N, C-alpha and C. Protein backbone atom coordinates (compact mmCIF):
# COMPACT_ATOMS: atom_id res chain seq x y z
N MET A 1 0.97 -0.99 0.00
CA MET A 1 0.03 0.00 0.03
C MET A 1 0.94 1.39 -0.59
N THR A 2 0.31 1.84 -0.86
CA THR A 2 1.37 3.30 -1.19
C THR A 2 1.14 4.23 0.41
N ARG A 3 1.50 5.27 0.43
CA ARG A 3 1.59 6.62 1.46
C ARG A 3 0.26 6.74 1.31
N ARG A 4 0.19 7.45 0.18
CA ARG A 4 -1.09 8.04 -0.40
C ARG A 4 -2.58 7.37 -0.06
N HIS A 5 -2.47 5.85 -0.31
CA HIS A 5 -3.57 5.06 -0.13
C HIS A 5 -3.80 5.04 1.36
N ALA A 6 -2.60 4.57 2.41
CA ALA A 6 -2.55 4.99 3.61
C ALA A 6 -3.69 5.93 4.18
N PHE A 7 -3.38 7.19 4.04
CA PHE A 7 -3.57 8.33 4.21
C PHE A 7 -5.32 8.47 3.89
N LEU A 8 -5.50 7.98 2.67
CA LEU A 8 -6.95 7.86 2.29
C LEU A 8 -7.69 6.81 3.17
N ALA A 9 -7.00 5.80 3.56
CA ALA A 9 -7.55 4.77 4.15
C ALA A 9 -8.13 5.49 5.87
N LEU A 10 -7.08 5.99 6.44
CA LEU A 10 -7.49 6.79 7.67
C LEU A 10 -8.16 8.01 7.63
N ALA A 11 -8.40 8.39 6.62
CA ALA A 11 -9.52 9.71 6.17
C ALA A 11 -10.60 8.68 6.52
N VAL A 12 -10.84 8.06 5.28
CA VAL A 12 -12.23 7.66 5.55
C VAL A 12 -12.63 6.67 6.76
N LEU A 13 -11.94 6.10 7.24
CA LEU A 13 -11.86 5.74 9.04
C LEU A 13 -11.81 6.63 9.63
N GLY A 14 -11.26 7.48 9.92
CA GLY A 14 -11.75 8.65 10.79
C GLY A 14 -13.41 9.68 10.61
N THR A 15 -13.55 9.41 9.16
CA THR A 15 -14.78 10.30 9.12
C THR A 15 -15.99 9.07 9.61
N ALA A 16 -16.05 7.69 9.19
CA ALA A 16 -16.70 7.28 9.89
C ALA A 16 -16.77 7.16 11.08
N LEU A 17 -15.48 7.29 11.96
CA LEU A 17 -15.51 7.43 13.45
C LEU A 17 -15.96 8.76 14.15
N LEU A 18 -15.98 9.41 13.22
CA LEU A 18 -16.23 10.97 13.71
C LEU A 18 -17.95 11.45 13.45
N ALA A 19 -18.09 10.66 12.22
CA ALA A 19 -20.09 10.34 11.88
C ALA A 19 -20.62 9.36 13.74
N GLY A 20 -19.83 8.31 13.75
CA GLY A 20 -20.61 7.34 14.27
C GLY A 20 -20.51 8.34 15.78
N LEU A 21 -19.67 9.05 16.19
CA LEU A 21 -19.83 9.53 17.97
C LEU A 21 -20.86 11.22 17.74
N GLY A 22 -21.03 11.50 16.37
CA GLY A 22 -22.10 12.57 16.37
C GLY A 22 -23.56 11.73 16.42
N VAL A 23 -23.90 10.46 15.87
CA VAL A 23 -24.78 9.61 15.75
C VAL A 23 -25.33 9.27 17.34
N TRP A 24 -23.71 9.10 18.12
CA TRP A 24 -24.31 8.49 19.38
C TRP A 24 -24.54 9.53 20.59
N GLN A 25 -24.33 10.72 20.20
CA GLN A 25 -24.50 11.85 20.90
C GLN A 25 -26.05 12.55 20.48
N LEU A 26 -26.77 11.94 19.12
CA LEU A 26 -28.28 12.44 18.99
C LEU A 26 -28.36 11.33 19.78
N GLU A 27 -28.33 9.92 20.04
CA GLU A 27 -29.20 8.98 20.71
C GLU A 27 -29.39 9.46 22.27
N ARG A 28 -27.86 9.86 22.63
CA ARG A 28 -27.66 10.45 23.85
C ARG A 28 -28.95 11.41 24.06
N ARG A 29 -28.70 12.69 23.57
CA ARG A 29 -29.87 13.89 23.53
C ARG A 29 -31.43 13.35 23.38
N ALA A 30 -31.47 11.97 22.61
CA ALA A 30 -33.29 11.53 23.23
C ALA A 30 -33.05 10.79 24.14
N TRP A 31 -32.17 10.63 24.65
CA TRP A 31 -32.54 10.06 26.05
C TRP A 31 -32.25 10.43 27.27
N LYS A 32 -31.86 11.74 27.08
CA LYS A 32 -32.07 12.90 28.02
C LYS A 32 -33.40 13.33 28.36
N LEU A 33 -33.53 14.08 26.80
CA LEU A 33 -35.13 14.39 26.39
C LEU A 33 -35.70 14.17 27.21
N ALA A 34 -36.12 12.61 27.07
CA ALA A 34 -36.98 11.66 27.76
C ALA A 34 -36.94 11.23 29.33
N LEU A 35 -35.75 11.74 29.66
CA LEU A 35 -35.11 11.82 31.27
C LEU A 35 -36.15 12.93 32.00
N ILE A 36 -35.58 13.99 30.86
CA ILE A 36 -36.35 15.20 31.83
C ILE A 36 -37.57 15.48 31.63
N ASP A 37 -38.36 14.86 30.51
CA ASP A 37 -39.68 14.69 30.27
C ASP A 37 -40.22 13.64 31.65
N ARG A 38 -39.86 12.77 32.03
CA ARG A 38 -39.86 11.70 33.06
C ARG A 38 -40.49 12.40 33.95
N VAL A 39 -39.05 12.72 34.46
CA VAL A 39 -38.80 13.50 35.64
C VAL A 39 -39.29 14.87 36.16
N GLU A 40 -39.85 15.36 35.22
CA GLU A 40 -41.03 17.02 35.09
C GLU A 40 -42.80 16.27 35.48
N ARG A 41 -42.44 15.28 34.91
CA ARG A 41 -43.74 14.71 35.34
C ARG A 41 -44.07 14.11 36.51
N ARG A 42 -42.98 13.45 36.72
CA ARG A 42 -42.98 13.33 38.44
C ARG A 42 -43.21 13.91 39.56
N LEU A 43 -42.78 14.97 39.09
CA LEU A 43 -42.43 16.30 39.74
C LEU A 43 -43.81 16.94 40.10
N ALA A 44 -44.64 16.92 39.04
CA ALA A 44 -46.24 17.52 39.63
C ALA A 44 -46.99 16.26 39.48
N ALA A 45 -46.36 15.48 39.70
CA ALA A 45 -47.96 14.20 40.09
C ALA A 45 -47.94 14.25 41.76
N PRO A 46 -49.30 13.69 42.20
CA PRO A 46 -49.18 13.45 43.63
C PRO A 46 -48.50 12.91 44.07
N PRO A 47 -47.92 12.79 45.38
CA PRO A 47 -46.97 11.59 46.12
C PRO A 47 -48.13 9.83 45.99
N VAL A 48 -47.17 8.96 45.87
CA VAL A 48 -47.61 7.59 45.85
C VAL A 48 -46.83 6.95 46.78
N ALA A 49 -47.49 5.45 47.42
CA ALA A 49 -46.56 5.42 48.69
C ALA A 49 -45.59 4.82 48.59
N ALA A 50 -44.64 4.81 49.49
CA ALA A 50 -42.97 4.61 48.91
C ALA A 50 -42.97 3.45 48.77
N PRO A 51 -41.86 2.97 47.95
CA PRO A 51 -41.91 1.14 47.69
C PRO A 51 -41.83 0.74 48.85
N PRO A 52 -42.35 -0.54 49.24
CA PRO A 52 -42.27 -1.62 49.98
C PRO A 52 -41.01 -2.20 50.02
N ARG A 53 -40.87 -3.25 50.99
CA ARG A 53 -39.61 -4.10 50.65
C ARG A 53 -39.52 -5.26 49.51
N ALA A 54 -41.23 -5.78 49.65
CA ALA A 54 -41.14 -6.78 48.48
C ALA A 54 -40.91 -6.25 46.97
N THR A 55 -40.63 -4.58 46.88
CA THR A 55 -40.41 -4.24 45.81
C THR A 55 -39.02 -3.54 45.84
N TRP A 56 -38.46 -3.95 46.75
CA TRP A 56 -36.68 -2.71 46.36
C TRP A 56 -35.54 -3.51 45.78
N ARG A 57 -35.51 -4.89 45.01
CA ARG A 57 -35.02 -4.82 44.52
C ARG A 57 -35.27 -5.04 42.71
N ARG A 58 -36.29 -3.75 42.77
CA ARG A 58 -36.75 -3.44 41.11
C ARG A 58 -36.50 -1.48 41.39
N ILE A 59 -35.92 -1.54 42.52
CA ILE A 59 -35.31 0.13 42.37
C ILE A 59 -34.27 0.05 41.84
N ASP A 60 -34.11 1.33 40.55
CA ASP A 60 -32.81 1.59 39.84
C ASP A 60 -33.01 2.86 39.87
N ASP A 61 -32.11 3.48 38.79
CA ASP A 61 -31.94 4.51 38.51
C ASP A 61 -33.06 5.54 37.76
N ARG A 62 -34.19 4.47 36.93
CA ARG A 62 -35.86 4.71 36.56
C ARG A 62 -36.32 5.03 37.73
N SER A 63 -35.99 4.74 38.92
CA SER A 63 -37.27 4.95 40.01
C SER A 63 -36.90 6.43 40.28
N ALA A 64 -35.81 7.02 40.12
CA ALA A 64 -35.26 8.38 40.97
C ALA A 64 -36.34 9.28 40.71
N TYR A 65 -36.33 10.59 41.90
CA TYR A 65 -37.50 11.62 41.57
C TYR A 65 -39.28 11.47 41.25
N LEU A 66 -39.18 9.87 41.79
CA LEU A 66 -40.88 9.63 41.96
C LEU A 66 -41.61 10.32 43.43
N ARG A 67 -42.53 11.17 43.63
CA ARG A 67 -42.93 11.71 44.81
C ARG A 67 -43.70 10.94 45.24
N VAL A 68 -43.16 10.76 46.58
CA VAL A 68 -43.60 9.49 47.38
C VAL A 68 -44.02 10.18 48.97
N ARG A 69 -44.51 8.92 49.22
CA ARG A 69 -45.47 9.52 50.61
C ARG A 69 -44.97 8.43 51.90
N ALA A 70 -44.44 8.26 52.74
CA ALA A 70 -44.14 7.41 53.88
C ALA A 70 -44.49 7.54 55.59
N SER A 71 -45.30 6.61 55.77
CA SER A 71 -45.80 7.06 57.30
C SER A 71 -44.66 6.07 58.06
N GLY A 72 -44.81 6.10 59.67
CA GLY A 72 -43.86 5.40 60.24
C GLY A 72 -43.81 6.06 61.55
N ARG A 73 -42.74 5.61 61.88
CA ARG A 73 -42.17 6.01 63.34
C ARG A 73 -40.56 6.70 62.89
N TRP A 74 -40.00 7.52 63.43
CA TRP A 74 -38.35 7.72 63.68
C TRP A 74 -37.73 6.68 64.50
N ARG A 75 -36.64 5.81 64.38
CA ARG A 75 -35.48 5.49 64.84
C ARG A 75 -35.14 6.01 66.02
N ALA A 76 -34.69 5.11 66.64
CA ALA A 76 -33.54 5.95 67.92
C ALA A 76 -32.17 5.80 67.31
N ALA A 77 -31.66 6.80 66.73
CA ALA A 77 -30.42 6.66 65.97
C ALA A 77 -29.47 7.56 66.08
N ALA A 78 -28.48 7.99 66.31
CA ALA A 78 -27.89 8.90 65.88
C ALA A 78 -28.30 9.92 64.63
N PRO A 79 -27.76 10.82 64.35
CA PRO A 79 -28.30 11.35 63.05
C PRO A 79 -26.64 11.29 62.28
N VAL A 80 -27.18 10.85 60.82
CA VAL A 80 -25.57 11.06 60.21
C VAL A 80 -25.85 11.93 59.18
N PHE A 81 -24.45 12.86 59.69
CA PHE A 81 -24.88 14.16 58.58
C PHE A 81 -23.25 14.05 57.19
N VAL A 82 -24.19 14.61 56.08
CA VAL A 82 -23.64 14.13 54.72
C VAL A 82 -23.18 15.05 54.10
N GLN A 83 -22.04 15.31 54.34
CA GLN A 83 -21.20 16.61 53.55
C GLN A 83 -22.03 17.48 52.47
N ALA A 84 -22.35 18.51 52.44
CA ALA A 84 -23.44 18.50 51.36
C ALA A 84 -22.75 20.62 50.89
N VAL A 85 -22.89 20.93 49.47
CA VAL A 85 -22.61 22.37 49.22
C VAL A 85 -24.22 22.47 48.32
N THR A 86 -24.72 23.81 49.35
CA THR A 86 -26.08 23.85 48.43
C THR A 86 -26.25 25.63 48.36
N ASP A 87 -27.08 25.91 48.00
CA ASP A 87 -27.51 27.51 47.41
C ASP A 87 -27.27 28.62 48.88
N LEU A 88 -27.44 27.88 49.89
CA LEU A 88 -27.36 28.68 51.43
C LEU A 88 -25.89 28.41 52.08
N GLY A 89 -24.93 27.89 50.89
CA GLY A 89 -23.30 27.43 51.63
C GLY A 89 -22.87 26.11 52.02
N GLY A 90 -22.01 26.16 52.14
CA GLY A 90 -21.74 24.44 53.18
C GLY A 90 -21.88 23.57 53.91
N GLY A 91 -22.54 22.61 54.10
CA GLY A 91 -23.22 22.18 55.36
C GLY A 91 -23.49 20.68 55.23
N TYR A 92 -24.69 20.07 55.93
CA TYR A 92 -24.43 18.92 55.67
C TYR A 92 -26.23 18.11 55.57
N TRP A 93 -25.84 17.39 54.76
CA TRP A 93 -27.71 16.66 54.68
C TRP A 93 -28.01 15.77 55.96
N VAL A 94 -28.91 15.73 56.74
CA VAL A 94 -29.13 15.13 57.53
C VAL A 94 -30.25 13.99 57.24
N ILE A 95 -29.41 12.80 57.69
CA ILE A 95 -30.10 11.47 57.55
C ILE A 95 -30.70 10.91 58.42
N ALA A 96 -31.76 10.14 58.69
CA ALA A 96 -32.38 10.00 59.77
C ALA A 96 -33.48 8.37 59.81
N PRO A 97 -33.39 7.29 60.04
CA PRO A 97 -34.12 6.33 59.74
C PRO A 97 -35.93 6.28 60.18
N LEU A 98 -36.34 5.77 59.33
CA LEU A 98 -38.06 5.53 59.63
C LEU A 98 -38.39 4.37 59.45
N ASP A 99 -39.17 3.95 60.62
CA ASP A 99 -39.46 2.68 60.41
C ASP A 99 -41.11 2.40 59.96
N THR A 100 -41.33 1.91 58.66
CA THR A 100 -42.20 1.76 58.23
C THR A 100 -42.90 0.37 58.03
N PRO A 101 -44.20 0.18 57.96
CA PRO A 101 -44.92 -1.02 57.73
C PRO A 101 -44.01 -1.62 56.41
N GLY A 102 -43.60 -1.12 55.76
CA GLY A 102 -43.04 -1.79 54.35
C GLY A 102 -41.61 -1.63 54.34
N GLY A 103 -41.13 -1.51 55.75
CA GLY A 103 -39.30 -1.73 56.10
C GLY A 103 -38.77 -0.27 56.13
N THR A 104 -37.84 -0.50 56.78
CA THR A 104 -37.22 0.83 56.97
C THR A 104 -36.26 1.56 55.99
N ILE A 105 -36.82 2.74 55.97
CA ILE A 105 -36.38 3.73 54.87
C ILE A 105 -35.87 4.98 55.57
N LEU A 106 -34.43 5.22 54.90
CA LEU A 106 -33.55 6.76 55.76
C LEU A 106 -34.22 7.87 54.85
N VAL A 107 -34.28 8.69 55.41
CA VAL A 107 -34.56 9.93 55.05
C VAL A 107 -33.93 10.86 55.42
N ASN A 108 -33.80 11.85 54.26
CA ASN A 108 -33.16 12.98 54.18
C ASN A 108 -34.11 14.33 54.85
N ARG A 109 -33.82 14.29 55.92
CA ARG A 109 -34.67 15.69 56.53
C ARG A 109 -34.00 16.79 56.15
N GLY A 110 -33.07 17.17 55.64
CA GLY A 110 -32.58 18.42 54.97
C GLY A 110 -31.34 19.04 55.35
N PHE A 111 -30.91 20.06 54.89
CA PHE A 111 -30.40 21.02 54.96
C PHE A 111 -29.97 21.41 56.45
N VAL A 112 -28.61 21.40 57.05
CA VAL A 112 -28.44 21.93 58.23
C VAL A 112 -26.73 23.11 57.73
N PRO A 113 -26.63 24.44 57.96
CA PRO A 113 -25.45 24.70 57.92
C PRO A 113 -24.26 24.29 59.21
N LEU A 114 -23.41 24.18 58.61
CA LEU A 114 -21.83 24.09 59.22
C LEU A 114 -22.03 24.50 60.87
N GLY A 115 -22.23 25.54 60.90
CA GLY A 115 -22.37 25.85 62.80
C GLY A 115 -23.67 25.65 63.16
N ASP A 116 -24.81 24.98 62.55
CA ASP A 116 -25.85 24.41 63.38
C ASP A 116 -25.89 23.16 63.61
N ARG A 117 -24.83 22.23 63.15
CA ARG A 117 -25.10 20.29 63.22
C ARG A 117 -25.21 20.54 65.08
N ALA A 118 -24.03 21.22 65.87
CA ALA A 118 -24.43 20.28 67.55
C ALA A 118 -26.05 20.63 67.83
N ALA A 119 -27.10 21.63 67.15
CA ALA A 119 -27.79 21.55 67.45
C ALA A 119 -28.98 20.53 66.95
N ILE A 120 -28.64 19.70 66.22
CA ILE A 120 -29.38 18.39 65.70
C ILE A 120 -29.70 17.41 66.31
N ARG A 121 -31.27 17.26 66.63
CA ARG A 121 -31.24 15.83 67.33
C ARG A 121 -31.91 14.81 66.84
N ALA A 122 -31.56 13.90 66.91
CA ALA A 122 -32.66 12.76 66.24
C ALA A 122 -34.21 12.62 66.69
N PRO A 123 -35.04 12.59 65.52
CA PRO A 123 -36.64 12.65 65.92
C PRO A 123 -36.93 11.58 66.36
N THR A 124 -38.41 11.93 66.92
CA THR A 124 -38.58 10.69 67.71
C THR A 124 -40.13 10.42 67.46
N GLY A 125 -40.76 9.67 67.68
CA GLY A 125 -42.45 9.75 67.43
C GLY A 125 -42.95 8.99 65.90
N GLY A 126 -44.07 9.13 65.49
CA GLY A 126 -44.75 9.05 64.40
C GLY A 126 -44.51 10.07 63.16
N THR A 127 -44.51 10.05 62.49
CA THR A 127 -44.78 11.13 61.85
C THR A 127 -45.06 10.54 59.74
N ILE A 128 -45.36 11.53 58.93
CA ILE A 128 -45.75 11.08 57.56
C ILE A 128 -44.68 11.97 56.70
N VAL A 129 -44.00 11.51 55.72
CA VAL A 129 -42.83 12.44 55.08
C VAL A 129 -42.89 12.24 53.89
N THR A 130 -43.09 12.85 53.27
CA THR A 130 -43.34 13.38 51.84
C THR A 130 -42.22 13.70 50.92
N GLY A 131 -41.50 13.75 49.76
CA GLY A 131 -40.78 13.98 49.32
C GLY A 131 -40.15 13.10 47.92
N LEU A 132 -38.73 13.17 47.28
CA LEU A 132 -38.40 12.55 46.54
C LEU A 132 -37.80 11.61 46.48
N LEU A 133 -38.20 10.10 45.85
CA LEU A 133 -37.33 8.99 46.11
C LEU A 133 -35.68 9.14 45.22
N ARG A 134 -34.96 8.96 46.05
CA ARG A 134 -33.24 9.48 45.59
C ARG A 134 -32.60 7.91 45.54
N VAL A 135 -32.16 7.29 44.36
CA VAL A 135 -31.54 5.84 44.87
C VAL A 135 -30.30 6.44 45.40
N THR A 136 -29.77 5.55 46.30
CA THR A 136 -28.59 4.89 46.89
C THR A 136 -27.28 5.92 46.21
N GLU A 137 -26.48 6.05 46.61
CA GLU A 137 -25.06 6.76 46.00
C GLU A 137 -23.90 5.83 47.08
N PRO A 138 -23.93 4.62 46.45
CA PRO A 138 -22.90 3.91 46.86
C PRO A 138 -21.01 4.33 46.31
N GLU A 139 -21.02 5.28 45.09
CA GLU A 139 -20.18 5.21 44.53
C GLU A 139 -19.27 6.48 45.40
N GLY A 140 -19.91 7.17 46.10
CA GLY A 140 -19.07 8.06 47.40
C GLY A 140 -19.16 9.42 46.31
N ALA A 141 -18.83 10.48 46.91
CA ALA A 141 -18.46 11.94 46.24
C ALA A 141 -17.32 12.28 45.10
N PHE A 142 -16.87 13.02 44.44
CA PHE A 142 -15.88 12.94 43.79
C PHE A 142 -14.68 12.94 44.40
N LEU A 143 -14.10 11.91 44.19
CA LEU A 143 -12.41 12.02 45.02
C LEU A 143 -12.64 11.91 45.87
N ARG A 144 -14.12 11.78 47.08
CA ARG A 144 -13.78 11.65 48.28
C ARG A 144 -14.82 10.20 48.66
N ASP A 145 -14.01 9.31 49.36
CA ASP A 145 -15.04 7.95 49.59
C ASP A 145 -15.31 8.49 50.97
N ASN A 146 -16.83 7.67 51.55
CA ASN A 146 -17.13 7.43 52.68
C ASN A 146 -16.29 6.92 53.72
N ASP A 147 -16.26 7.48 54.71
CA ASP A 147 -15.55 6.95 56.23
C ASP A 147 -16.32 6.57 56.90
N PRO A 148 -16.98 5.39 56.95
CA PRO A 148 -18.07 5.02 58.23
C PRO A 148 -17.12 5.13 59.48
N ALA A 149 -16.27 4.48 59.91
CA ALA A 149 -15.02 4.58 60.48
C ALA A 149 -14.98 5.49 61.95
N ALA A 150 -14.64 6.60 60.58
CA ALA A 150 -14.77 8.08 61.42
C ALA A 150 -15.99 8.87 61.59
N ASP A 151 -17.17 8.28 60.94
CA ASP A 151 -18.41 9.06 60.66
C ASP A 151 -18.51 10.16 59.46
N ARG A 152 -17.36 9.99 58.65
CA ARG A 152 -17.50 10.80 57.80
C ARG A 152 -18.21 10.64 56.71
N TRP A 153 -18.99 11.71 56.22
CA TRP A 153 -20.06 11.19 55.08
C TRP A 153 -19.98 11.70 53.74
N TYR A 154 -19.91 11.23 52.56
CA TYR A 154 -19.66 12.44 51.40
C TYR A 154 -20.79 12.14 50.17
N SER A 155 -21.60 10.69 50.34
CA SER A 155 -22.53 10.71 49.56
C SER A 155 -23.41 9.70 50.76
N ARG A 156 -24.70 9.30 50.28
CA ARG A 156 -25.63 8.92 50.86
C ARG A 156 -26.16 7.48 50.55
N ASP A 157 -25.15 6.58 51.01
CA ASP A 157 -25.12 5.56 50.56
C ASP A 157 -25.92 4.86 51.65
N THR A 158 -27.19 4.20 51.37
CA THR A 158 -27.99 3.97 52.22
C THR A 158 -27.82 2.08 52.86
N ALA A 159 -26.41 1.51 52.32
CA ALA A 159 -26.26 -0.06 52.84
C ALA A 159 -25.21 0.74 53.83
N ALA A 160 -23.92 1.06 53.42
CA ALA A 160 -23.25 1.37 53.89
C ALA A 160 -24.00 2.46 55.66
N ILE A 161 -24.43 2.97 55.58
CA ILE A 161 -25.51 4.60 56.48
C ILE A 161 -26.06 2.74 57.30
N ALA A 162 -26.21 2.19 57.29
CA ALA A 162 -27.78 0.98 57.52
C ALA A 162 -26.48 0.62 58.73
N ARG A 163 -25.45 -0.13 58.06
CA ARG A 163 -23.99 -0.85 58.90
C ARG A 163 -23.80 0.06 60.05
N ALA A 164 -23.54 0.71 59.48
CA ALA A 164 -22.88 1.87 60.13
C ALA A 164 -23.68 2.62 61.65
N ARG A 165 -24.51 2.32 61.61
CA ARG A 165 -25.76 2.74 62.87
C ARG A 165 -26.35 1.16 63.08
N ARG A 166 -26.06 -0.02 62.49
CA ARG A 166 -26.87 -1.44 62.97
C ARG A 166 -28.27 -0.99 62.64
N LEU A 167 -28.84 -0.59 61.95
CA LEU A 167 -30.04 -0.54 61.38
C LEU A 167 -30.79 -1.73 60.76
N GLY A 168 -29.80 -2.86 60.48
CA GLY A 168 -30.26 -4.01 59.64
C GLY A 168 -30.78 -3.70 58.04
N ALA A 169 -31.35 -4.41 57.48
CA ALA A 169 -31.97 -4.00 55.93
C ALA A 169 -32.58 -2.68 56.05
N VAL A 170 -32.51 -1.83 55.05
CA VAL A 170 -33.22 -0.82 54.65
C VAL A 170 -33.17 -0.56 53.25
N ALA A 171 -34.07 0.31 52.69
CA ALA A 171 -34.34 0.63 51.55
C ALA A 171 -33.03 1.04 50.83
N PRO A 172 -33.38 0.54 49.06
CA PRO A 172 -32.21 0.90 48.84
C PRO A 172 -32.26 2.34 47.73
N TYR A 173 -33.11 3.02 49.03
CA TYR A 173 -33.24 4.26 48.14
C TYR A 173 -33.99 5.32 49.56
N PHE A 174 -33.50 6.49 48.96
CA PHE A 174 -33.59 7.45 50.62
C PHE A 174 -34.63 8.49 49.97
N ILE A 175 -35.26 9.12 51.09
CA ILE A 175 -36.44 9.73 50.55
C ILE A 175 -35.64 11.57 50.61
N ASP A 176 -35.73 12.62 49.82
CA ASP A 176 -35.64 13.35 49.94
C ASP A 176 -36.41 14.59 50.38
N ALA A 177 -36.84 14.81 51.99
CA ALA A 177 -37.97 14.91 52.88
C ALA A 177 -38.81 16.81 51.60
N ASP A 178 -39.93 16.65 51.48
CA ASP A 178 -40.10 18.10 51.67
C ASP A 178 -40.19 19.12 52.18
N ALA A 179 -40.37 20.48 52.02
CA ALA A 179 -39.91 21.80 53.15
C ALA A 179 -41.11 21.09 54.12
N GLY A 180 -40.56 21.63 55.50
CA GLY A 180 -41.85 21.17 56.13
C GLY A 180 -42.44 22.94 56.84
N ALA A 181 -43.90 22.95 57.37
CA ALA A 181 -44.41 23.90 57.75
C ALA A 181 -43.00 25.00 58.95
N ALA A 182 -42.34 24.26 59.45
CA ALA A 182 -42.03 24.70 60.78
C ALA A 182 -40.36 25.36 60.05
N ALA A 183 -40.26 26.60 61.20
CA ALA A 183 -38.62 26.77 60.45
C ALA A 183 -37.65 26.42 61.33
N GLY A 184 -36.33 27.06 60.99
CA GLY A 184 -35.25 26.54 61.38
C GLY A 184 -34.08 25.07 60.51
N TRP A 185 -34.01 24.25 61.52
CA TRP A 185 -32.92 23.17 60.78
C TRP A 185 -33.52 22.12 60.85
N PRO A 186 -33.50 20.89 60.11
CA PRO A 186 -32.95 20.99 58.58
C PRO A 186 -34.08 21.53 58.09
N ARG A 187 -33.53 21.97 56.66
CA ARG A 187 -34.53 22.17 55.90
C ARG A 187 -34.94 21.46 55.27
N GLY A 188 -35.81 21.19 54.82
CA GLY A 188 -36.06 19.98 53.15
C GLY A 188 -36.50 20.85 52.01
N GLY A 189 -36.98 20.03 51.16
CA GLY A 189 -37.32 20.57 49.81
C GLY A 189 -35.98 21.33 49.35
N MET A 190 -35.11 21.16 49.39
CA MET A 190 -33.84 22.00 48.95
C MET A 190 -33.34 20.85 47.51
N THR A 191 -34.10 20.26 47.39
CA THR A 191 -33.63 19.17 45.90
C THR A 191 -33.19 19.66 44.90
N VAL A 192 -32.15 19.68 44.03
CA VAL A 192 -32.18 20.47 42.75
C VAL A 192 -31.86 19.07 41.86
N VAL A 193 -33.17 19.64 40.93
CA VAL A 193 -33.13 18.73 39.89
C VAL A 193 -32.70 19.10 38.78
N ARG A 194 -31.60 19.45 38.25
CA ARG A 194 -30.89 19.88 36.81
C ARG A 194 -30.35 19.05 36.17
N PHE A 195 -30.63 18.44 35.36
CA PHE A 195 -29.81 17.90 33.56
C PHE A 195 -29.17 18.21 33.27
N ARG A 196 -27.90 18.52 32.75
CA ARG A 196 -26.96 19.17 31.72
C ARG A 196 -27.49 18.79 30.35
N ASN A 197 -27.74 19.27 29.39
CA ASN A 197 -28.12 18.43 27.82
C ASN A 197 -27.23 19.45 26.96
N THR A 198 -25.98 18.86 26.64
CA THR A 198 -25.56 19.89 25.41
C THR A 198 -25.02 18.95 24.54
N HIS A 199 -25.66 17.47 24.50
CA HIS A 199 -25.68 16.45 23.33
C HIS A 199 -25.76 17.03 22.21
N LEU A 200 -26.59 18.05 22.04
CA LEU A 200 -26.75 18.44 20.60
C LEU A 200 -25.74 19.42 19.91
N ILE A 201 -25.12 19.93 21.08
CA ILE A 201 -23.75 21.03 20.49
C ILE A 201 -22.15 19.79 20.14
N TYR A 202 -22.20 18.70 20.81
CA TYR A 202 -21.68 17.73 20.93
C TYR A 202 -21.73 16.88 19.42
N ALA A 203 -22.82 16.73 18.75
CA ALA A 203 -23.33 16.21 17.92
C ALA A 203 -22.81 16.88 16.53
N LEU A 204 -23.31 18.06 16.43
CA LEU A 204 -23.29 19.35 15.78
C LEU A 204 -21.41 19.12 15.53
N THR A 205 -20.70 19.24 16.58
CA THR A 205 -19.24 19.47 16.36
C THR A 205 -19.05 18.25 15.83
N TRP A 206 -19.26 16.76 16.35
CA TRP A 206 -18.79 15.51 15.45
C TRP A 206 -18.95 15.71 13.92
N PHE A 207 -19.83 16.08 14.19
CA PHE A 207 -20.78 16.11 12.38
C PHE A 207 -19.60 17.53 11.42
N ALA A 208 -19.14 18.36 12.19
CA ALA A 208 -18.68 18.74 11.49
C ALA A 208 -17.16 18.42 11.35
N LEU A 209 -16.26 17.82 12.15
CA LEU A 209 -15.41 17.16 12.37
C LEU A 209 -15.42 16.20 11.28
N ALA A 210 -16.54 14.90 11.01
CA ALA A 210 -16.37 13.94 9.80
C ALA A 210 -16.69 14.99 8.65
N ALA A 211 -17.82 16.21 8.72
CA ALA A 211 -17.15 16.85 7.36
C ALA A 211 -15.79 16.96 6.92
N MET A 212 -15.05 17.75 7.47
CA MET A 212 -14.32 17.97 7.37
C MET A 212 -13.14 16.68 6.80
N MET A 213 -13.08 15.47 7.54
CA MET A 213 -12.74 14.18 7.18
C MET A 213 -12.75 14.01 5.77
N ALA A 214 -14.22 14.30 5.44
CA ALA A 214 -14.26 13.66 4.22
C ALA A 214 -13.96 14.43 3.04
N TYR A 215 -13.79 15.86 3.73
CA TYR A 215 -13.66 16.65 2.54
C TYR A 215 -11.89 16.59 2.31
N LEU A 216 -11.42 15.58 3.45
CA LEU A 216 -9.92 15.57 3.20
C LEU A 216 -9.66 14.50 2.44
N ALA A 217 -10.60 12.91 2.55
CA ALA A 217 -10.24 12.10 1.86
C ALA A 217 -10.79 12.39 0.61
N TYR A 218 -11.63 13.07 0.30
CA TYR A 218 -11.98 13.54 -1.18
C TYR A 218 -10.73 14.07 -2.18
N ARG A 219 -9.92 15.02 -1.12
CA ARG A 219 -9.14 15.82 -2.08
C ARG A 219 -7.76 14.61 -2.42
N ILE A 220 -7.63 13.94 -1.27
CA ILE A 220 -6.71 13.11 -1.47
C ILE A 220 -6.80 11.96 -2.40
N ALA A 221 -7.89 11.51 -2.60
CA ALA A 221 -8.47 10.67 -4.06
C ALA A 221 -8.41 11.42 -5.02
N ARG A 222 -8.72 12.54 -5.30
CA ARG A 222 -8.71 13.25 -6.25
C ARG A 222 -7.26 13.70 -6.68
N THR A 223 -6.49 13.74 -5.62
CA THR A 223 -4.89 14.39 -5.89
C THR A 223 -4.25 13.47 -7.30
N PRO A 224 -3.75 13.72 -8.31
CA PRO A 224 -3.13 12.48 -9.19
C PRO A 224 -2.03 12.15 -8.76
N ARG A 225 -1.80 10.89 -9.64
CA ARG A 225 -0.55 10.05 -8.82
C ARG A 225 0.77 10.41 -9.71
N ALA A 226 1.96 10.43 -8.66
CA ALA A 226 2.99 10.79 -9.37
C ALA A 226 3.37 10.23 -10.18
N ALA A 227 3.83 10.69 -11.17
CA ALA A 227 4.35 9.75 -12.34
C ALA A 227 5.60 8.94 -11.98
């Protein structure tokens, strides 16, 4: 194979690869738009009963942001403070276990600023919690892993929290509680639902590069052979 043929083959291969990446980004865009539509419909819907133990195996990312309601009694357990950064600044999510007829569910009661953590106590008695279903976060936070032994938490890993607090079996999800009527901390209703959707820009970029590579292949193919 001559050098000219090698360059032509690489240009054709590059065109196909770049065009494939553009198509992939269009597929990702369609998936993202469907996700946004599903979540928006769930946020506008009335709450349904929180999934009971019998359905826990079917909980996955597709279950996220479902509006749910759970009634039960707070378990006597020390709160778990998960580091968080919100529009109100740095602080913690306050996690507490709720024993329901369908099993124990961890509830993110809301946000508390750094300086107010010491005032937070475990809730007691019966209650009804409404909020958004969020799937467990076992991967930790960016570049930071949970350290249960030191009681340092960076993500809401329901299984790890259950082991650390000896809660037994808990749901593979937690509930982000809605904002309550009472003032003070922790403050619920602070879930940020935002999905970055730049797939069309990426798709157009890949297609533009594919067009440039195709033009290069055309020029190579049209170049007269050396005598």
